[in-house]
Amino acid sequence: MVVSISELYGKRIITLGGRIIGNVKGVMLNFETGEVSHLLLDDADKLMRSSNLRSDFIKNSVAFKRVRKVTDTIVVSDKE
């Protein structure tokens, strides 16, 4: 799947089961592979200042490998 990163911002993320997860507020890249690794549901700056970075990152991101379809919304698998 080839999608421009700028197209992802603001899109709503829903699961295959129809549960709304949130909207994309940021994108995390893996510079070694050149691929998107996670979609962020909160501002990256806010997450980086968190005293509980690991748990807040887990709660406020979706692994891009879960993405199944990108249209007006982003559809992801229910489980990682």
C-alpha atoms as a PDB file:
ATOM      1  CA  MET A   1       0.000   0.000   0.000  1.00  0.00           C
ATOM      2  CA  VAL A   2       1.469   3.346  -1.044  1.00  0.00           C
ATOM      3  CA  VAL A   3       0.036   6.414   0.688  1.00  0.00           C
ATOM      4  CA  SER A   4       1.459   9.891   1.092  1.00  0.00           C
ATOM      5  CA  ILE A   5       2.168  10.641   4.753  1.00  0.00           C
ATOM      6  CA  SER A   6       0.383  13.989   4.467  1.00  0.00           C
ATOM      7  CA  GLU A   7      -2.803  12.132   3.478  1.00  0.00           C
ATOM      8  CA  LEU A   8      -2.884  10.351   6.841  1.00  0.00           C
ATOM      9  CA  TYR A   9      -3.131  13.432   9.084  1.00  0.00           C
ATOM     10  CA  GLY A  10      -6.596  14.060  10.492  1.00  0.00           C
ATOM     11  CA  LYS A  11      -8.092  10.810   9.209  1.00  0.00           C
ATOM     12  CA  ARG A  12     -10.304   8.852  11.578  1.00  0.00           C
ATOM     13  CA  ILE A  13      -9.049   5.397  12.564  1.00  0.00           C
ATOM     14  CA  ILE A  14     -11.609   2.618  13.019  1.00  0.00           C
ATOM     15  CA  THR A  15     -11.271  -1.112  13.593  1.00  0.00           C
ATOM     16  CA  LEU A  16     -12.678  -3.782  11.278  1.00  0.00           C
ATOM     17  CA  GLY A  17     -15.278  -4.284  14.010  1.00  0.00           C
ATOM     18  CA  GLY A  18     -16.383  -0.638  13.731  1.00  0.00           C
ATOM     19  CA  ARG A  19     -14.847   0.733  16.948  1.00  0.00           C
ATOM     20  CA  ILE A  20     -13.593   4.317  16.591  1.00  0.00           C
ATOM     21  CA  ILE A  21     -10.032   4.641  17.861  1.00  0.00           C
ATOM     22  CA  GLY A  22      -9.373   8.328  17.138  1.00  0.00           C
ATOM     23  CA  ASN A  23      -7.835  10.663  14.565  1.00  0.00           C
ATOM     24  CA  VAL A  24      -4.264  10.743  13.275  1.00  0.00           C
ATOM     25  CA  LYS A  25      -2.348  13.625  14.860  1.00  0.00           C
ATOM     26  CA  GLY A  26       1.139  12.454  13.993  1.00  0.00           C
ATOM     27  CA  VAL A  27       3.168   9.826  12.209  1.00  0.00           C
ATOM     28  CA  MET A  28       6.220   7.989  13.515  1.00  0.00           C
ATOM     29  CA  LEU A  29       8.766   6.869  10.931  1.00  0.00           C
ATOM     30  CA  ASN A  30      11.357   4.118  11.031  1.00  0.00           C
ATOM     31  CA  PHE A  31      14.309   5.785   9.337  1.00  0.00           C
ATOM     32  CA  GLU A  32      16.168   2.484   8.958  1.00  0.00           C
ATOM     33  CA  THR A  33      13.426   0.979   6.771  1.00  0.00           C
ATOM     34  CA  GLY A  34      11.917   4.217   5.443  1.00  0.00           C
ATOM     35  CA  GLU A  35       8.447   3.088   6.521  1.00  0.00           C
ATOM     36  CA  VAL A  36       5.731   4.415   8.797  1.00  0.00           C
ATOM     37  CA  SER A  37       5.858   2.515  12.086  1.00  0.00           C
ATOM     38  CA  HIS A  38       2.990   4.081  14.078  1.00  0.00           C
ATOM     39  CA  LEU A  39       0.084   6.476  13.745  1.00  0.00           C
ATOM     40  CA  LEU A  40      -0.115   8.835  16.714  1.00  0.00           C
ATOM     41  CA  LEU A  41      -3.443   9.728  18.317  1.00  0.00           C
ATOM     42  CA  ASP A  42      -1.897  12.586  20.289  1.00  0.00           C
ATOM     43  CA  ASP A  43       0.669  15.277  19.506  1.00  0.00           C
ATOM     44  CA  ALA A  44       4.214  13.890  19.438  1.00  0.00           C
ATOM     45  CA  ASP A  45       5.510  16.784  21.566  1.00  0.00           C
ATOM     46  CA  LYS A  46       2.976  16.015  24.274  1.00  0.00           C
ATOM     47  CA  LEU A  47       3.866  12.327  24.250  1.00  0.00           C
ATOM     48  CA  MET A  48       7.607  13.060  24.443  1.00  0.00           C
ATOM     49  CA  ARG A  49       7.116  15.225  27.565  1.00  0.00           C
ATOM     50  CA  SER A  50       5.084  12.549  29.317  1.00  0.00           C
ATOM     51  CA  SER A  51       6.483  11.141  32.549  1.00  0.00           C
ATOM     52  CA  ASN A  52       5.011   7.763  31.489  1.00  0.00           C
ATOM     53  CA  LEU A  53       6.279   7.809  27.914  1.00  0.00           C
ATOM     54  CA  ARG A  54       6.060   4.066  27.271  1.00  0.00           C
ATOM     55  CA  SER A  55       2.512   3.571  28.555  1.00  0.00           C
ATOM     56  CA  ASP A  56       1.250   6.821  27.004  1.00  0.00           C
ATOM     57  CA  PHE A  57       2.794   5.867  23.662  1.00  0.00           C
ATOM     58  CA  ILE A  58       1.090   2.465  23.757  1.00  0.00           C
ATOM     59  CA  LYS A  59      -2.280   4.051  24.622  1.00  0.00           C
ATOM     60  CA  ASN A  60      -1.942   6.838  22.037  1.00  0.00           C
ATOM     61  CA  SER A  61      -0.601   5.080  18.965  1.00  0.00           C
ATOM     62  CA  VAL A  62      -1.550   2.405  16.463  1.00  0.00           C
ATOM     63  CA  ALA A  63       1.062   0.203  14.807  1.00  0.00           C
ATOM     64  CA  PHE A  64       0.954   0.830  11.065  1.00  0.00           C
ATOM     65  CA  LYS A  65       1.198  -2.919  10.423  1.00  0.00           C
ATOM     66  CA  ARG A  66      -2.437  -3.098  11.641  1.00  0.00           C
ATOM     67  CA  VAL A  67      -3.634  -0.869   8.768  1.00  0.00           C
ATOM     68  CA  ARG A  68      -5.810  -2.755   6.315  1.00  0.00           C
ATOM     69  CA  LYS A  69      -7.261   0.061   4.205  1.00  0.00           C
ATOM     70  CA  VAL A  70      -6.868   3.820   3.766  1.00  0.00           C
ATOM     71  CA  THR A  71      -9.737   5.781   2.224  1.00  0.00           C
ATOM     72  CA  ASP A  72     -11.626   8.637   3.904  1.00  0.00           C
ATOM     73  CA  THR A  73     -10.927   6.659   7.077  1.00  0.00           C
ATOM     74  CA  ILE A  74      -8.157   4.301   8.119  1.00  0.00           C
ATOM     75  CA  VAL A  75      -9.337   0.779   8.840  1.00  0.00           C
ATOM     76  CA  VAL A  76      -7.156  -1.314  11.147  1.00  0.00           C
ATOM     77  CA  SER A  77      -7.306  -4.895  12.410  1.00  0.00           C
ATOM     78  CA  ASP A  78      -8.967  -5.338  15.797  1.00  0.00           C
ATOM     79  CA  LYS A  79      -5.877  -6.918  17.386  1.00  0.00           C
ATOM     80  CA  GLU A  80      -2.181  -6.339  16.850  1.00  0.00           C
END
